């Protein structure tokens, strides 16, 4: 017998829906499948979310705010120079990707199936994030700490490389997320040639 809304929380709905959306695709996963996986009725889900769009909006909005929040903290630090802030931002960005593999994957893989409102809201945050990262890079070039190439190209290249880690990262691998983030950020910021 299926349970009702008192037997499920919004967080549990999001966790199960996220896994199904990531594994089977957002467009092809129905709310009935989400309800079945939770062993609840569809009205139990509708008690918290009016639609599948509301669920994915919650998933992507939450991870977007995580990105914004750690960027604010890093940018506000006065105890480190801009090139150190940039390095920290890259490392934190990689960790965020690895810790939120499904959330990030849904955004990148399902962009074409998401509403314009959701995409525009997320892109607004992402553009501001990239603007701050670009400014840090520009300042680090001016101080002689970074190579002088167009900051927007450097930022897009570095962060673009980080973004795709959700596709290959294996949480059961022999390296921790922190070790991978350190290796990736070091490789991206210091290059791959031995000195």
C-alpha atoms as a PDB file:
ATOM      1  CA  UNK A   1       0.000   0.000   0.000  1.00  0.00           C
ATOM      2  CA  UNK A   2       1.335   3.405  -0.999  1.00  0.00           C
ATOM      3  CA  UNK A   3       1.903   6.078   1.615  1.00  0.00           C
ATOM      4  CA  UNK A   4       0.739   9.692   1.697  1.00  0.00           C
ATOM      5  CA  UNK A   5       2.408  13.098   2.017  1.00  0.00           C
ATOM      6  CA  UNK A   6       3.032  12.689   5.771  1.00  0.00           C
ATOM      7  CA  UNK A   7       5.363   9.797   4.952  1.00  0.00           C
ATOM      8  CA  UNK A   8       7.678  11.740   2.653  1.00  0.00           C
ATOM      9  CA  UNK A   9       9.605  15.012   2.872  1.00  0.00           C
ATOM     10  CA  UNK A  10      10.474  17.515   0.138  1.00  0.00           C
ATOM     11  CA  UNK A  11      14.159  16.616   0.640  1.00  0.00           C
ATOM     12  CA  UNK A  12      13.472  12.917   0.092  1.00  0.00           C
ATOM     13  CA  UNK A  13      11.453  13.674  -3.053  1.00  0.00           C
ATOM     14  CA  UNK A  14      14.314  15.808  -4.372  1.00  0.00           C
ATOM     15  CA  UNK A  15      16.931  13.135  -3.604  1.00  0.00           C
ATOM     16  CA  UNK A  16      15.014  10.360  -5.368  1.00  0.00           C
ATOM     17  CA  UNK A  17      13.925  12.558  -8.294  1.00  0.00           C
ATOM     18  CA  UNK A  18      17.492  13.802  -8.769  1.00  0.00           C
ATOM     19  CA  UNK A  19      18.809  10.266  -9.040  1.00  0.00           C
ATOM     20  CA  UNK A  20      16.081   9.233 -11.502  1.00  0.00           C
ATOM     21  CA  UNK A  21      16.463  12.408 -13.598  1.00  0.00           C
ATOM     22  CA  UNK A  22      20.240  11.946 -13.725  1.00  0.00           C
ATOM     23  CA  UNK A  23      20.074   8.243 -14.573  1.00  0.00           C
ATOM     24  CA  UNK A  24      17.079   8.177 -16.947  1.00  0.00           C
ATOM     25  CA  UNK A  25      16.825  11.772 -18.166  1.00  0.00           C
ATOM     26  CA  UNK A  26      14.605  14.559 -16.920  1.00  0.00           C
ATOM     27  CA  UNK A  27      12.280  14.563 -19.903  1.00  0.00           C
ATOM     28  CA  UNK A  28      11.626  10.820 -19.840  1.00  0.00           C
ATOM     29  CA  UNK A  29      11.176  10.446 -16.063  1.00  0.00           C
ATOM     30  CA  UNK A  30       7.579  10.858 -14.928  1.00  0.00           C
ATOM     31  CA  UNK A  31       6.321  11.934 -11.527  1.00  0.00           C
ATOM     32  CA  UNK A  32       4.655   8.499 -11.349  1.00  0.00           C
ATOM     33  CA  UNK A  33       8.127   6.918 -11.493  1.00  0.00           C
ATOM     34  CA  UNK A  34       9.321   9.236  -8.726  1.00  0.00           C
ATOM     35  CA  UNK A  35       6.235   8.362  -6.631  1.00  0.00           C
ATOM     36  CA  UNK A  36       6.747   4.630  -7.275  1.00  0.00           C
ATOM     37  CA  UNK A  37      10.412   4.828  -6.220  1.00  0.00           C
ATOM     38  CA  UNK A  38       9.317   6.523  -2.985  1.00  0.00           C
ATOM     39  CA  UNK A  39       6.367   4.130  -2.537  1.00  0.00           C
ATOM     40  CA  UNK A  40       3.993   7.085  -2.224  1.00  0.00           C
ATOM     41  CA  UNK A  41       1.031   8.319  -4.235  1.00  0.00           C
ATOM     42  CA  UNK A  42       1.440  11.077  -6.818  1.00  0.00           C
ATOM     43  CA  UNK A  43      -0.744  13.411  -4.714  1.00  0.00           C
ATOM     44  CA  UNK A  44       1.862  12.986  -1.941  1.00  0.00           C
ATOM     45  CA  UNK A  45       4.407  14.585  -4.281  1.00  0.00           C
ATOM     46  CA  UNK A  46       1.937  17.261  -5.433  1.00  0.00           C
ATOM     47  CA  UNK A  47       1.502  18.216  -1.782  1.00  0.00           C
ATOM     48  CA  UNK A  48       5.060  19.647  -1.948  1.00  0.00           C
ATOM     49  CA  UNK A  49       5.689  20.253  -5.664  1.00  0.00           C
ATOM     50  CA  UNK A  50       3.167  21.315  -8.305  1.00  0.00           C
ATOM     51  CA  UNK A  51       5.197  19.856 -11.143  1.00  0.00           C
ATOM     52  CA  UNK A  52       8.365  18.132 -12.242  1.00  0.00           C
ATOM     53  CA  UNK A  53       9.683  21.580 -13.214  1.00  0.00           C
ATOM     54  CA  UNK A  54       9.405  22.729  -9.589  1.00  0.00           C
ATOM     55  CA  UNK A  55      11.482  19.754  -8.459  1.00  0.00           C
ATOM     56  CA  UNK A  56      14.298  20.348 -10.926  1.00  0.00           C
ATOM     57  CA  UNK A  57      14.157  24.073 -10.211  1.00  0.00           C
ATOM     58  CA  UNK A  58      14.760  23.286  -6.512  1.00  0.00           C
ATOM     59  CA  UNK A  59      17.703  21.025  -7.377  1.00  0.00           C
ATOM     60  CA  UNK A  60      19.428  23.497  -9.690  1.00  0.00           C
ATOM     61  CA  UNK A  61      18.592  26.579  -7.633  1.00  0.00           C
ATOM     62  CA  UNK A  62      20.167  25.011  -4.546  1.00  0.00           C
ATOM     63  CA  UNK A  63      23.457  24.186  -6.290  1.00  0.00           C
ATOM     64  CA  UNK A  64      23.512  27.606  -7.961  1.00  0.00           C
ATOM     65  CA  UNK A  65      23.288  29.252  -4.547  1.00  0.00           C
ATOM     66  CA  UNK A  66      26.096  27.027  -3.253  1.00  0.00           C
ATOM     67  CA  UNK A  67      28.314  28.356  -6.052  1.00  0.00           C
ATOM     68  CA  UNK A  68      27.318  31.939  -5.281  1.00  0.00           C
ATOM     69  CA  UNK A  69      27.837  31.548  -1.536  1.00  0.00           C
ATOM     70  CA  UNK A  70      31.360  30.141  -1.655  1.00  0.00           C
ATOM     71  CA  UNK A  71      32.339  32.735  -4.257  1.00  0.00           C
ATOM     72  CA  UNK A  72      31.150  35.546  -1.957  1.00  0.00           C
ATOM     73  CA  UNK A  73      33.178  34.155   0.935  1.00  0.00           C
ATOM     74  CA  UNK A  74      36.325  33.808  -1.198  1.00  0.00           C
ATOM     75  CA  UNK A  75      35.981  37.243  -2.798  1.00  0.00           C
ATOM     76  CA  UNK A  76      35.498  38.914   0.595  1.00  0.00           C
ATOM     77  CA  UNK A  77      38.770  37.582   2.005  1.00  0.00           C
ATOM     78  CA  UNK A  78      41.297  40.317   2.641  1.00  0.00           C
ATOM     79  CA  UNK A  79      44.089  38.093   3.924  1.00  0.00           C
ATOM     80  CA  UNK A  80      45.061  36.681   0.510  1.00  0.00           C
ATOM     81  CA  UNK A  81      46.008  38.160  -2.874  1.00  0.00           C
ATOM     82  CA  UNK A  82      43.857  37.939  -5.983  1.00  0.00           C
ATOM     83  CA  UNK A  83      45.871  35.114  -7.560  1.00  0.00           C
ATOM     84  CA  UNK A  84      45.412  33.098  -4.329  1.00  0.00           C
ATOM     85  CA  UNK A  85      41.684  33.871  -4.337  1.00  0.00           C
ATOM     86  CA  UNK A  86      41.505  32.649  -7.918  1.00  0.00           C
ATOM     87  CA  UNK A  87      43.316  29.409  -7.041  1.00  0.00           C
ATOM     88  CA  UNK A  88      40.979  28.886  -4.076  1.00  0.00           C
ATOM     89  CA  UNK A  89      37.939  29.613  -6.251  1.00  0.00           C
ATOM     90  CA  UNK A  90      39.061  27.010  -8.803  1.00  0.00           C
ATOM     91  CA  UNK A  91      39.700  24.403  -6.114  1.00  0.00           C
ATOM     92  CA  UNK A  92      36.340  25.074  -4.445  1.00  0.00           C
ATOM     93  CA  UNK A  93      34.635  24.975  -7.836  1.00  0.00           C
ATOM     94  CA  UNK A  94      36.052  21.518  -8.519  1.00  0.00           C
ATOM     95  CA  UNK A  95      34.985  20.291  -5.087  1.00  0.00           C
ATOM     96  CA  UNK A  96      31.483  21.638  -5.660  1.00  0.00           C
ATOM     97  CA  UNK A  97      31.284  19.765  -8.979  1.00  0.00           C
ATOM     98  CA  UNK A  98      32.472  16.518  -7.380  1.00  0.00           C
ATOM     99  CA  UNK A  99      30.196  16.837  -4.340  1.00  0.00           C
ATOM    100  CA  UNK A 100      27.142  17.721  -6.453  1.00  0.00           C
ATOM    101  CA  UNK A 101      27.743  15.488  -9.456  1.00  0.00           C
ATOM    102  CA  UNK A 102      24.077  14.797 -10.187  1.00  0.00           C
ATOM    103  CA  UNK A 103      22.900  18.384  -9.659  1.00  0.00           C
ATOM    104  CA  UNK A 104      25.583  19.772 -11.986  1.00  0.00           C
ATOM    105  CA  UNK A 105      24.999  16.981 -14.489  1.00  0.00           C
ATOM    106  CA  UNK A 106      21.299  17.752 -14.619  1.00  0.00           C
ATOM    107  CA  UNK A 107      21.979  21.386 -15.384  1.00  0.00           C
ATOM    108  CA  UNK A 108      24.456  20.675 -18.195  1.00  0.00           C
ATOM    109  CA  UNK A 109      22.799  17.580 -19.641  1.00  0.00           C
ATOM    110  CA  UNK A 110      19.202  18.740 -19.419  1.00  0.00           C
ATOM    111  CA  UNK A 111      19.556  22.430 -20.318  1.00  0.00           C
ATOM    112  CA  UNK A 112      17.660  21.890 -23.554  1.00  0.00           C
ATOM    113  CA  UNK A 113      14.690  20.416 -21.656  1.00  0.00           C
ATOM    114  CA  UNK A 114      14.454  23.056 -18.929  1.00  0.00           C
ATOM    115  CA  UNK A 115      12.239  26.125 -18.839  1.00  0.00           C
ATOM    116  CA  UNK A 116      13.663  29.463 -19.942  1.00  0.00           C
ATOM    117  CA  UNK A 117      12.951  30.917 -16.489  1.00  0.00           C
ATOM    118  CA  UNK A 118      15.089  28.268 -14.812  1.00  0.00           C
ATOM    119  CA  UNK A 119      17.905  28.601 -17.357  1.00  0.00           C
ATOM    120  CA  UNK A 120      17.884  32.409 -17.184  1.00  0.00           C
ATOM    121  CA  UNK A 121      17.883  32.417 -13.370  1.00  0.00           C
ATOM    122  CA  UNK A 122      20.848  30.020 -13.260  1.00  0.00           C
ATOM    123  CA  UNK A 123      22.746  31.806 -16.017  1.00  0.00           C
ATOM    124  CA  UNK A 124      22.376  35.117 -14.210  1.00  0.00           C
ATOM    125  CA  UNK A 125      24.237  33.642 -11.213  1.00  0.00           C
ATOM    126  CA  UNK A 126      26.810  31.923 -13.415  1.00  0.00           C
ATOM    127  CA  UNK A 127      27.564  35.092 -15.412  1.00  0.00           C
ATOM    128  CA  UNK A 128      28.172  37.064 -12.217  1.00  0.00           C
ATOM    129  CA  UNK A 129      30.386  34.253 -10.904  1.00  0.00           C
ATOM    130  CA  UNK A 130      32.441  34.225 -14.113  1.00  0.00           C
ATOM    131  CA  UNK A 131      32.628  38.026 -14.074  1.00  0.00           C
ATOM    132  CA  UNK A 132      34.191  37.929 -10.589  1.00  0.00           C
ATOM    133  CA  UNK A 133      36.589  35.136 -11.598  1.00  0.00           C
ATOM    134  CA  UNK A 134      37.590  37.104 -14.701  1.00  0.00           C
ATOM    135  CA  UNK A 135      38.267  40.193 -12.597  1.00  0.00           C
ATOM    136  CA  UNK A 136      40.474  38.158 -10.243  1.00  0.00           C
ATOM    137  CA  UNK A 137      42.391  36.748 -13.196  1.00  0.00           C
ATOM    138  CA  UNK A 138      42.834  40.228 -14.687  1.00  0.00           C
ATOM    139  CA  UNK A 139      44.183  41.543 -11.376  1.00  0.00           C
ATOM    140  CA  UNK A 140      46.580  38.595 -11.106  1.00  0.00           C
ATOM    141  CA  UNK A 141      47.887  39.365 -14.600  1.00  0.00           C
ATOM    142  CA  UNK A 142      48.408  43.000 -13.587  1.00  0.00           C
ATOM    143  CA  UNK A 143      50.380  41.918 -10.503  1.00  0.00           C
ATOM    144  CA  UNK A 144      52.557  39.628 -12.631  1.00  0.00           C
ATOM    145  CA  UNK A 145      51.287  36.400 -11.045  1.00  0.00           C
ATOM    146  CA  UNK A 146      49.407  35.011 -14.094  1.00  0.00           C
ATOM    147  CA  UNK A 147      50.258  34.782 -17.791  1.00  0.00           C
ATOM    148  CA  UNK A 148      48.909  37.617 -19.890  1.00  0.00           C
ATOM    149  CA  UNK A 149      46.198  36.082 -22.041  1.00  0.00           C
ATOM    150  CA  UNK A 150      42.656  37.440 -22.333  1.00  0.00           C
ATOM    151  CA  UNK A 151      41.125  36.810 -18.885  1.00  0.00           C
ATOM    152  CA  UNK A 152      37.779  35.679 -20.292  1.00  0.00           C
ATOM    153  CA  UNK A 153      39.493  32.948 -22.346  1.00  0.00           C
ATOM    154  CA  UNK A 154      41.572  31.838 -19.351  1.00  0.00           C
ATOM    155  CA  UNK A 155      38.520  31.677 -17.075  1.00  0.00           C
ATOM    156  CA  UNK A 156      36.327  29.857 -19.619  1.00  0.00           C
ATOM    157  CA  UNK A 157      39.118  27.345 -20.292  1.00  0.00           C
ATOM    158  CA  UNK A 158      39.896  26.667 -16.635  1.00  0.00           C
ATOM    159  CA  UNK A 159      36.333  26.513 -15.342  1.00  0.00           C
ATOM    160  CA  UNK A 160      35.116  24.699 -18.450  1.00  0.00           C
ATOM    161  CA  UNK A 161      37.633  21.942 -17.732  1.00  0.00           C
ATOM    162  CA  UNK A 162      36.404  21.718 -14.151  1.00  0.00           C
ATOM    163  CA  UNK A 163      32.736  21.576 -15.135  1.00  0.00           C
ATOM    164  CA  UNK A 164      33.042  18.276 -16.968  1.00  0.00           C
ATOM    165  CA  UNK A 165      34.452  16.404 -13.965  1.00  0.00           C
ATOM    166  CA  UNK A 166      30.902  15.250 -13.167  1.00  0.00           C
ATOM    167  CA  UNK A 167      31.074  13.038 -16.261  1.00  0.00           C
ATOM    168  CA  UNK A 168      34.099  11.014 -15.210  1.00  0.00           C
ATOM    169  CA  UNK A 169      34.320  11.376 -11.423  1.00  0.00           C
ATOM    170  CA  UNK A 170      33.851   8.123  -9.511  1.00  0.00           C
ATOM    171  CA  UNK A 171      33.139   8.523  -5.783  1.00  0.00           C
ATOM    172  CA  UNK A 172      34.417   4.958  -5.279  1.00  0.00           C
ATOM    173  CA  UNK A 173      37.792   5.707  -6.868  1.00  0.00           C
ATOM    174  CA  UNK A 174      41.055   5.525  -4.933  1.00  0.00           C
ATOM    175  CA  UNK A 175      41.491   9.320  -4.673  1.00  0.00           C
ATOM    176  CA  UNK A 176      39.431  11.541  -2.403  1.00  0.00           C
ATOM    177  CA  UNK A 177      37.496  14.530  -3.757  1.00  0.00           C
ATOM    178  CA  UNK A 178      39.972  16.801  -2.009  1.00  0.00           C
ATOM    179  CA  UNK A 179      42.956  15.070  -3.634  1.00  0.00           C
ATOM    180  CA  UNK A 180      41.359  15.310  -7.077  1.00  0.00           C
ATOM    181  CA  UNK A 181      40.486  18.990  -6.539  1.00  0.00           C
ATOM    182  CA  UNK A 182      44.073  19.740  -5.495  1.00  0.00           C
ATOM    183  CA  UNK A 183      45.549  17.876  -8.485  1.00  0.00           C
ATOM    184  CA  UNK A 184      43.156  19.433 -10.988  1.00  0.00           C
ATOM    185  CA  UNK A 185      43.526  22.971  -9.678  1.00  0.00           C
ATOM    186  CA  UNK A 186      47.308  22.617  -9.582  1.00  0.00           C
ATOM    187  CA  UNK A 187      47.412  21.261 -13.140  1.00  0.00           C
ATOM    188  CA  UNK A 188      45.074  23.950 -14.450  1.00  0.00           C
ATOM    189  CA  UNK A 189      46.880  26.814 -12.739  1.00  0.00           C
ATOM    190  CA  UNK A 190      50.481  25.654 -12.994  1.00  0.00           C
ATOM    191  CA  UNK A 191      50.426  23.775 -16.289  1.00  0.00           C
ATOM    192  CA  UNK A 192      51.481  20.255 -17.129  1.00  0.00           C
ATOM    193  CA  UNK A 193      55.124  20.810 -18.002  1.00  0.00           C
ATOM    194  CA  UNK A 194      57.757  20.040 -15.386  1.00  0.00           C
ATOM    195  CA  UNK A 195      59.899  23.042 -14.639  1.00  0.00           C
END
